[in-house]
Amino acid sequence: MSLDPILLEVLACPQDKGPLLYVEDEQRLYNPRLRRSYPVREGIPVMLVEEAEAVDPAEHDRLMGKAERGEARWTLQGQGPVGEAG
């Protein structure tokens, strides 16, 4: 189940308020700046900081590769990885 495109335009990380990478085929939202992943359950994003999962460097690289290949998209009107940590 895909997220509503209107929701994707306004959805931000609850912790740093920045854009998220929506990985539709994995039903997750990813914040590359904090390296935290939020689940999407039954089409509903679970945007609770305590529910977020830490992402290791290899997983970060994999997810960013998906974004570069166009296999994932950014929330907040496609602003991209603002302030992304290296």
PDB file of N, CA and C in Angstrom:
ATOM      1  N   MET A   1       0.843  -1.181   0.000  1.00  0.00           N
ATOM      2  CA  MET A   1       0.000   0.000   0.000  1.00  0.00           C
ATOM      3  C   MET A   1       0.886   1.241   0.000  1.00  0.00           C
ATOM      4  N   SER A   2       0.689   2.108  -0.952  1.00  0.00           N
ATOM      5  CA  SER A   2       1.485   3.310  -1.125  1.00  0.00           C
ATOM      6  C   SER A   2       0.946   4.453  -0.261  1.00  0.00           C
ATOM      7  N   LEU A   3       1.837   5.345   0.135  1.00  0.00           N
ATOM      8  CA  LEU A   3       1.409   6.525   0.873  1.00  0.00           C
ATOM      9  C   LEU A   3       0.798   7.550  -0.073  1.00  0.00           C
ATOM     10  N   ASP A   4      -0.138   8.299   0.425  1.00  0.00           N
ATOM     11  CA  ASP A   4      -0.809   9.345  -0.330  1.00  0.00           C
ATOM     12  C   ASP A   4       0.219  10.402  -0.763  1.00  0.00           C
ATOM     13  N   PRO A   5       0.238  10.781  -2.037  1.00  0.00           N
ATOM     14  CA  PRO A   5       1.200  11.790  -2.520  1.00  0.00           C
ATOM     15  C   PRO A   5       1.110  13.120  -1.775  1.00  0.00           C
ATOM     16  N   ILE A   6      -0.074  13.497  -1.334  1.00  0.00           N
ATOM     17  CA  ILE A   6      -0.221  14.742  -0.570  1.00  0.00           C
ATOM     18  C   ILE A   6       0.468  14.623   0.777  1.00  0.00           C
ATOM     19  N   LEU A   7       0.355  13.453   1.397  1.00  0.00           N
ATOM     20  CA  LEU A   7       1.037  13.218   2.670  1.00  0.00           C
ATOM     21  C   LEU A   7       2.551  13.304   2.483  1.00  0.00           C
ATOM     22  N   LEU A   8       3.056  12.757   1.391  1.00  0.00           N
ATOM     23  CA  LEU A   8       4.498  12.796   1.136  1.00  0.00           C
ATOM     24  C   LEU A   8       5.017  14.228   0.985  1.00  0.00           C
ATOM     25  N   GLU A   9       4.165  15.134   0.537  1.00  0.00           N
ATOM     26  CA  GLU A   9       4.589  16.525   0.379  1.00  0.00           C
ATOM     27  C   GLU A   9       4.811  17.235   1.703  1.00  0.00           C
ATOM     28  N   VAL A  10       4.198  16.747   2.782  1.00  0.00           N
ATOM     29  CA  VAL A  10       4.287  17.442   4.068  1.00  0.00           C
ATOM     30  C   VAL A  10       4.958  16.622   5.170  1.00  0.00           C
ATOM     31  N   LEU A  11       5.224  15.363   4.926  1.00  0.00           N
ATOM     32  CA  LEU A  11       5.774  14.477   5.945  1.00  0.00           C
ATOM     33  C   LEU A  11       7.235  14.809   6.233  1.00  0.00           C
ATOM     34  N   ALA A  12       7.552  15.003   7.508  1.00  0.00           N
ATOM     35  CA  ALA A  12       8.917  15.331   7.926  1.00  0.00           C
ATOM     36  C   ALA A  12       9.318  14.464   9.111  1.00  0.00           C
ATOM     37  N   CYS A  13      10.610  14.380   9.354  1.00  0.00           N
ATOM     38  CA  CYS A  13      11.121  13.633  10.500  1.00  0.00           C
ATOM     39  C   CYS A  13      10.637  14.297  11.786  1.00  0.00           C
ATOM     40  N   PRO A  14      10.126  13.526  12.735  1.00  0.00           N
ATOM     41  CA  PRO A  14       9.656  14.119  13.984  1.00  0.00           C
ATOM     42  C   PRO A  14      10.793  14.641  14.856  1.00  0.00           C
ATOM     43  N   GLN A  15      12.007  14.179  14.589  1.00  0.00           N
ATOM     44  CA  GLN A  15      13.130  14.592  15.425  1.00  0.00           C
ATOM     45  C   GLN A  15      13.814  15.852  14.896  1.00  0.00           C
ATOM     46  N   ASP A  16      14.209  15.880  13.614  1.00  0.00           N
ATOM     47  CA  ASP A  16      14.925  17.055  13.102  1.00  0.00           C
ATOM     48  C   ASP A  16      14.102  17.885  12.119  1.00  0.00           C
ATOM     49  N   LYS A  17      12.878  17.467  11.855  1.00  0.00           N
ATOM     50  CA  LYS A  17      11.921  18.188  11.000  1.00  0.00           C
ATOM     51  C   LYS A  17      12.349  18.295   9.538  1.00  0.00           C
ATOM     52  N   GLY A  18      13.309  17.485   9.128  1.00  0.00           N
ATOM     53  CA  GLY A  18      13.779  17.492   7.753  1.00  0.00           C
ATOM     54  C   GLY A  18      13.083  16.457   6.893  1.00  0.00           C
ATOM     55  N   PRO A  19      13.408  16.449   5.584  1.00  0.00           N
ATOM     56  CA  PRO A  19      12.786  15.504   4.656  1.00  0.00           C
ATOM     57  C   PRO A  19      13.219  14.066   4.922  1.00  0.00           C
ATOM     58  N   LEU A  20      12.380  13.158   4.477  1.00  0.00           N
ATOM     59  CA  LEU A  20      12.631  11.724   4.619  1.00  0.00           C
ATOM     60  C   LEU A  20      12.643  11.079   3.244  1.00  0.00           C
ATOM     61  N   LEU A  21      13.350   9.983   3.147  1.00  0.00           N
ATOM     62  CA  LEU A  21      13.374   9.190   1.928  1.00  0.00           C
ATOM     63  C   LEU A  21      12.315   8.103   2.075  1.00  0.00           C
ATOM     64  N   TYR A  22      11.330   8.096   1.155  1.00  0.00           N
ATOM     65  CA  TYR A  22      10.276   7.090   1.188  1.00  0.00           C
ATOM     66  C   TYR A  22      10.678   5.935   0.288  1.00  0.00           C
ATOM     67  N   VAL A  23      10.874   4.761   0.897  1.00  0.00           N
ATOM     68  CA  VAL A  23      11.238   3.548   0.175  1.00  0.00           C
ATOM     69  C   VAL A  23       9.978   2.693   0.123  1.00  0.00           C
ATOM     70  N   GLU A  24       9.212   2.900  -0.930  1.00  0.00           N
ATOM     71  CA  GLU A  24       7.885   2.294  -1.031  1.00  0.00           C
ATOM     72  C   GLU A  24       7.929   0.769  -0.991  1.00  0.00           C
ATOM     73  N   ASP A  25       8.865   0.153  -1.723  1.00  0.00           N
ATOM     74  CA  ASP A  25       8.882  -1.310  -1.781  1.00  0.00           C
ATOM     75  C   ASP A  25       9.275  -1.954  -0.456  1.00  0.00           C
ATOM     76  N   GLU A  26       9.824  -1.163   0.473  1.00  0.00           N
ATOM     77  CA  GLU A  26      10.183  -1.671   1.802  1.00  0.00           C
ATOM     78  C   GLU A  26       9.268  -1.116   2.892  1.00  0.00           C
ATOM     79  N   GLN A  27       8.331  -0.252   2.488  1.00  0.00           N
ATOM     80  CA  GLN A  27       7.404   0.376   3.423  1.00  0.00           C
ATOM     81  C   GLN A  27       8.140   0.971   4.623  1.00  0.00           C
ATOM     82  N   ARG A  28       9.020   1.947   4.301  1.00  0.00           N
ATOM     83  CA  ARG A  28       9.759   2.630   5.347  1.00  0.00           C
ATOM     84  C   ARG A  28      10.117   4.029   4.899  1.00  0.00           C
ATOM     85  N   LEU A  29      10.333   4.875   5.877  1.00  0.00           N
ATOM     86  CA  LEU A  29      10.794   6.239   5.667  1.00  0.00           C
ATOM     87  C   LEU A  29      12.160   6.341   6.333  1.00  0.00           C
ATOM     88  N   TYR A  30      13.103   6.954   5.655  1.00  0.00           N
ATOM     89  CA  TYR A  30      14.473   6.978   6.147  1.00  0.00           C
ATOM     90  C   TYR A  30      15.000   8.400   6.253  1.00  0.00           C
ATOM     91  N   ASN A  31      15.613   8.714   7.381  1.00  0.00           N
ATOM     92  CA  ASN A  31      16.277   9.997   7.585  1.00  0.00           C
ATOM     93  C   ASN A  31      17.786   9.756   7.495  1.00  0.00           C
ATOM     94  N   PRO A  32      18.423  10.154   6.385  1.00  0.00           N
ATOM     95  CA  PRO A  32      19.852   9.904   6.226  1.00  0.00           C
ATOM     96  C   PRO A  32      20.720  10.784   7.114  1.00  0.00           C
ATOM     97  N   ARG A  33      20.197  11.901   7.588  1.00  0.00           N
ATOM     98  CA  ARG A  33      20.973  12.785   8.441  1.00  0.00           C
ATOM     99  C   ARG A  33      21.182  12.157   9.812  1.00  0.00           C
ATOM    100  N   LEU A  34      20.145  11.523  10.342  1.00  0.00           N
ATOM    101  CA  LEU A  34      20.211  10.882  11.658  1.00  0.00           C
ATOM    102  C   LEU A  34      20.419   9.378  11.555  1.00  0.00           C
ATOM    103  N   ARG A  35      20.332   8.874  10.323  1.00  0.00           N
ATOM    104  CA  ARG A  35      20.435   7.430  10.061  1.00  0.00           C
ATOM    105  C   ARG A  35      19.442   6.633  10.886  1.00  0.00           C
ATOM    106  N   ARG A  36      18.177   7.088  10.761  1.00  0.00           N
ATOM    107  CA  ARG A  36      17.067   6.451  11.454  1.00  0.00           C
ATOM    108  C   ARG A  36      15.987   6.103  10.445  1.00  0.00           C
ATOM    109  N   SER A  37      15.348   4.961  10.634  1.00  0.00           N
ATOM    110  CA  SER A  37      14.321   4.470   9.729  1.00  0.00           C
ATOM    111  C   SER A  37      13.006   4.324  10.487  1.00  0.00           C
ATOM    112  N   TYR A  38      11.927   4.803   9.852  1.00  0.00           N
ATOM    113  CA  TYR A  38      10.586   4.724  10.435  1.00  0.00           C
ATOM    114  C   TYR A  38       9.743   3.757   9.619  1.00  0.00           C
ATOM    115  N   PRO A  39       9.028   2.836  10.272  1.00  0.00           N
ATOM    116  CA  PRO A  39       8.204   1.884   9.525  1.00  0.00           C
ATOM    117  C   PRO A  39       6.915   2.519   9.014  1.00  0.00           C
ATOM    118  N   VAL A  40       6.397   1.935   7.946  1.00  0.00           N
ATOM    119  CA  VAL A  40       5.056   2.264   7.451  1.00  0.00           C
ATOM    120  C   VAL A  40       4.264   0.973   7.593  1.00  0.00           C
ATOM    121  N   ARG A  41       3.257   1.004   8.448  1.00  0.00           N
ATOM    122  CA  ARG A  41       2.457  -0.198   8.724  1.00  0.00           C
ATOM    123  C   ARG A  41       1.034  -0.010   8.211  1.00  0.00           C
ATOM    124  N   GLU A  42       0.642  -0.911   7.307  1.00  0.00           N
ATOM    125  CA  GLU A  42      -0.696  -0.874   6.716  1.00  0.00           C
ATOM    126  C   GLU A  42      -1.002   0.503   6.131  1.00  0.00           C
ATOM    127  N   GLY A  43       0.002   1.091   5.490  1.00  0.00           N
ATOM    128  CA  GLY A  43      -0.172   2.380   4.835  1.00  0.00           C
ATOM    129  C   GLY A  43      -0.102   3.582   5.755  1.00  0.00           C
ATOM    130  N   ILE A  44       0.241   3.356   7.024  1.00  0.00           N
ATOM    131  CA  ILE A  44       0.305   4.443   7.999  1.00  0.00           C
ATOM    132  C   ILE A  44       1.743   4.607   8.484  1.00  0.00           C
ATOM    133  N   PRO A  45       2.347   5.784   8.275  1.00  0.00           N
ATOM    134  CA  PRO A  45       3.706   6.002   8.769  1.00  0.00           C
ATOM    135  C   PRO A  45       3.719   6.081  10.295  1.00  0.00           C
ATOM    136  N   VAL A  46       4.614   5.331  10.913  1.00  0.00           N
ATOM    137  CA  VAL A  46       4.755   5.333  12.367  1.00  0.00           C
ATOM    138  C   VAL A  46       5.883   6.310  12.692  1.00  0.00           C
ATOM    139  N   MET A  47       5.509   7.557  12.951  1.00  0.00           N
ATOM    140  CA  MET A  47       6.473   8.629  13.111  1.00  0.00           C
ATOM    141  C   MET A  47       6.761   8.934  14.578  1.00  0.00           C
ATOM    142  N   LEU A  48       7.066   7.904  15.317  1.00  0.00           N
ATOM    143  CA  LEU A  48       7.426   8.043  16.731  1.00  0.00           C
ATOM    144  C   LEU A  48       8.924   7.823  16.855  1.00  0.00           C
ATOM    145  N   VAL A  49       9.621   8.755  17.486  1.00  0.00           N
ATOM    146  CA  VAL A  49      11.074   8.661  17.626  1.00  0.00           C
ATOM    147  C   VAL A  49      11.459   7.343  18.288  1.00  0.00           C
ATOM    148  N   GLU A  50      10.694   6.914  19.271  1.00  0.00           N
ATOM    149  CA  GLU A  50      11.024   5.673  19.975  1.00  0.00           C
ATOM    150  C   GLU A  50      10.792   4.422  19.129  1.00  0.00           C
ATOM    151  N   GLU A  51      10.065   4.531  18.023  1.00  0.00           N
ATOM    152  CA  GLU A  51       9.831   3.411  17.111  1.00  0.00           C
ATOM    153  C   GLU A  51      10.859   3.347  15.982  1.00  0.00           C
ATOM    154  N   ALA A  52      11.652   4.393  15.838  1.00  0.00           N
ATOM    155  CA  ALA A  52      12.645   4.443  14.760  1.00  0.00           C
ATOM    156  C   ALA A  52      13.755   3.429  15.014  1.00  0.00           C
ATOM    157  N   GLU A  53      14.304   2.915  13.912  1.00  0.00           N
ATOM    158  CA  GLU A  53      15.398   1.952  14.003  1.00  0.00           C
ATOM    159  C   GLU A  53      16.690   2.586  13.507  1.00  0.00           C
ATOM    160  N   ALA A  54      17.788   2.309  14.202  1.00  0.00           N
ATOM    161  CA  ALA A  54      19.094   2.789  13.764  1.00  0.00           C
ATOM    162  C   ALA A  54      19.498   2.057  12.494  1.00  0.00           C
ATOM    163  N   VAL A  55      20.182   2.766  11.603  1.00  0.00           N
ATOM    164  CA  VAL A  55      20.629   2.197  10.333  1.00  0.00           C
ATOM    165  C   VAL A  55      22.151   2.229  10.299  1.00  0.00           C
ATOM    166  N   ASP A  56      22.761   1.071  10.016  1.00  0.00           N
ATOM    167  CA  ASP A  56      24.224   0.994   9.975  1.00  0.00           C
ATOM    168  C   ASP A  56      24.754   1.559   8.651  1.00  0.00           C
ATOM    169  N   PRO A  57      26.068   1.795   8.547  1.00  0.00           N
ATOM    170  CA  PRO A  57      26.631   2.410   7.340  1.00  0.00           C
ATOM    171  C   PRO A  57      26.335   1.650   6.041  1.00  0.00           C
ATOM    172  N   ALA A  58      26.370   0.338   6.057  1.00  0.00           N
ATOM    173  CA  ALA A  58      26.104  -0.439   4.839  1.00  0.00           C
ATOM    174  C   ALA A  58      24.653  -0.265   4.389  1.00  0.00           C
ATOM    175  N   GLU A  59      23.732  -0.275   5.344  1.00  0.00           N
ATOM    176  CA  GLU A  59      22.321  -0.094   5.028  1.00  0.00           C
ATOM    177  C   GLU A  59      22.073   1.333   4.533  1.00  0.00           C
ATOM    178  N   HIS A  60      22.729   2.292   5.147  1.00  0.00           N
ATOM    179  CA  HIS A  60      22.626   3.694   4.695  1.00  0.00           C
ATOM    180  C   HIS A  60      23.034   3.804   3.224  1.00  0.00           C
ATOM    181  N   ASP A  61      24.180   3.217   2.883  1.00  0.00           N
ATOM    182  CA  ASP A  61      24.660   3.265   1.502  1.00  0.00           C
ATOM    183  C   ASP A  61      23.672   2.600   0.547  1.00  0.00           C
ATOM    184  N   ARG A  62      23.085   1.488   0.970  1.00  0.00           N
ATOM    185  CA  ARG A  62      22.114   0.787   0.125  1.00  0.00           C
ATOM    186  C   ARG A  62      20.885   1.659  -0.125  1.00  0.00           C
ATOM    187  N   LEU A  63      20.387   2.275   0.939  1.00  0.00           N
ATOM    188  CA  LEU A  63      19.203   3.118   0.804  1.00  0.00           C
ATOM    189  C   LEU A  63      19.489   4.366  -0.037  1.00  0.00           C
ATOM    190  N   MET A  64      20.651   4.956   0.135  1.00  0.00           N
ATOM    191  CA  MET A  64      21.003   6.136  -0.658  1.00  0.00           C
ATOM    192  C   MET A  64      21.192   5.746  -2.119  1.00  0.00           C
ATOM    193  N   GLY A  65      21.677   4.538  -2.369  1.00  0.00           N
ATOM    194  CA  GLY A  65      21.785   4.035  -3.735  1.00  0.00           C
ATOM    195  C   GLY A  65      20.414   3.925  -4.381  1.00  0.00           C
ATOM    196  N   LYS A  66      19.422   3.470  -3.603  1.00  0.00           N
ATOM    197  CA  LYS A  66      18.052   3.398  -4.131  1.00  0.00           C
ATOM    198  C   LYS A  66      17.563   4.787  -4.510  1.00  0.00           C
ATOM    199  N   ALA A  67      17.872   5.776  -3.691  1.00  0.00           N
ATOM    200  CA  ALA A  67      17.454   7.151  -3.990  1.00  0.00           C
ATOM    201  C   ALA A  67      18.121   7.641  -5.265  1.00  0.00           C
ATOM    202  N   GLU A  68      19.408   7.369  -5.423  1.00  0.00           N
ATOM    203  CA  GLU A  68      20.147   7.805  -6.612  1.00  0.00           C
ATOM    204  C   GLU A  68      19.615   7.157  -7.885  1.00  0.00           C
ATOM    205  N   ARG A  69      19.133   5.925  -7.766  1.00  0.00           N
ATOM    206  CA  ARG A  69      18.583   5.211  -8.925  1.00  0.00           C
ATOM    207  C   ARG A  69      17.111   5.534  -9.171  1.00  0.00           C
ATOM    208  N   GLY A  70      16.527   6.382  -8.346  1.00  0.00           N
ATOM    209  CA  GLY A  70      15.122   6.735  -8.503  1.00  0.00           C
ATOM    210  C   GLY A  70      14.172   5.686  -7.975  1.00  0.00           C
ATOM    211  N   GLU A  71      14.663   4.798  -7.117  1.00  0.00           N
ATOM    212  CA  GLU A  71      13.839   3.731  -6.552  1.00  0.00           C
ATOM    213  C   GLU A  71      13.198   4.131  -5.229  1.00  0.00           C
ATOM    214  N   ALA A  72      13.412   5.363  -4.821  1.00  0.00           N
ATOM    215  CA  ALA A  72      12.822   5.925  -3.605  1.00  0.00           C
ATOM    216  C   ALA A  72      12.648   7.417  -3.858  1.00  0.00           C
ATOM    217  N   ARG A  73      11.793   8.045  -3.084  1.00  0.00           N
ATOM    218  CA  ARG A  73      11.581   9.480  -3.316  1.00  0.00           C
ATOM    219  C   ARG A  73      11.543  10.234  -1.994  1.00  0.00           C
ATOM    220  N   TRP A  74      11.795  11.536  -2.092  1.00  0.00           N
ATOM    221  CA  TRP A  74      11.879  12.401  -0.923  1.00  0.00           C
ATOM    222  C   TRP A  74      10.528  12.987  -0.561  1.00  0.00           C
ATOM    223  N   THR A  75      10.323  13.157   0.731  1.00  0.00           N
ATOM    224  CA  THR A  75       9.159  13.877   1.225  1.00  0.00           C
ATOM    225  C   THR A  75       9.480  15.371   1.186  1.00  0.00           C
ATOM    226  N   LEU A  76       8.580  16.173   1.636  1.00  0.00           N
ATOM    227  CA  LEU A  76       8.727  17.634   1.655  1.00  0.00           C
ATOM    228  C   LEU A  76       9.013  18.177   0.262  1.00  0.00           C
ATOM    229  N   GLN A  77       8.209  17.727  -0.703  1.00  0.00           N
ATOM    230  CA  GLN A  77       8.256  18.214  -2.074  1.00  0.00           C
ATOM    231  C   GLN A  77       9.608  17.975  -2.741  1.00  0.00           C
ATOM    232  N   GLY A  78      10.228  16.854  -2.419  1.00  0.00           N
ATOM    233  CA  GLY A  78      11.466  16.467  -3.089  1.00  0.00           C
ATOM    234  C   GLY A  78      12.670  17.326  -2.792  1.00  0.00           C
ATOM    235  N   GLN A  79      12.754  17.888  -1.593  1.00  0.00           N
ATOM    236  CA  GLN A  79      13.879  18.754  -1.264  1.00  0.00           C
ATOM    237  C   GLN A  79      15.213  18.035  -1.193  1.00  0.00           C
ATOM    238  N   GLY A  80      15.193  16.735  -0.968  1.00  0.00           N
ATOM    239  CA  GLY A  80      16.437  15.977  -0.939  1.00  0.00           C
ATOM    240  C   GLY A  80      17.075  15.964   0.439  1.00  0.00           C
ATOM    241  N   PRO A  81      18.285  15.450   0.504  1.00  0.00           N
ATOM    242  CA  PRO A  81      18.945  15.190   1.799  1.00  0.00           C
ATOM    243  C   PRO A  81      19.572  16.442   2.397  1.00  0.00           C
ATOM    244  N   VAL A  82      18.769  17.357   2.861  1.00  0.00           N
ATOM    245  CA  VAL A  82      19.252  18.596   3.459  1.00  0.00           C
ATOM    246  C   VAL A  82      20.115  18.274   4.673  1.00  0.00           C
ATOM    247  N   GLY A  83      21.332  18.774   4.672  1.00  0.00           N
ATOM    248  CA  GLY A  83      22.218  18.596   5.810  1.00  0.00           C
ATOM    249  C   GLY A  83      22.646  17.173   6.061  1.00  0.00           C
ATOM    250  N   GLU A  84      22.638  16.339   5.054  1.00  0.00           N
ATOM    251  CA  GLU A  84      22.986  14.930   5.233  1.00  0.00           C
ATOM    252  C   GLU A  84      24.384  14.779   5.796  1.00  0.00           C
ATOM    253  N   ALA A  85      24.504  13.929   6.794  1.00  0.00           N
ATOM    254  CA  ALA A  85      25.817  13.599   7.361  1.00  0.00           C
ATOM    255  C   ALA A  85      26.523  12.615   6.446  1.00  0.00           C
ATOM    256  N   GLY A  86      27.838  12.738   6.314  1.00  0.00           N
ATOM    257  CA  GLY A  86      28.595  11.854   5.422  1.00  0.00           C
ATOM    258  C   GLY A  86      28.771  10.552   6.033  1.00  0.00           C
TER     259      GLY A  86
END
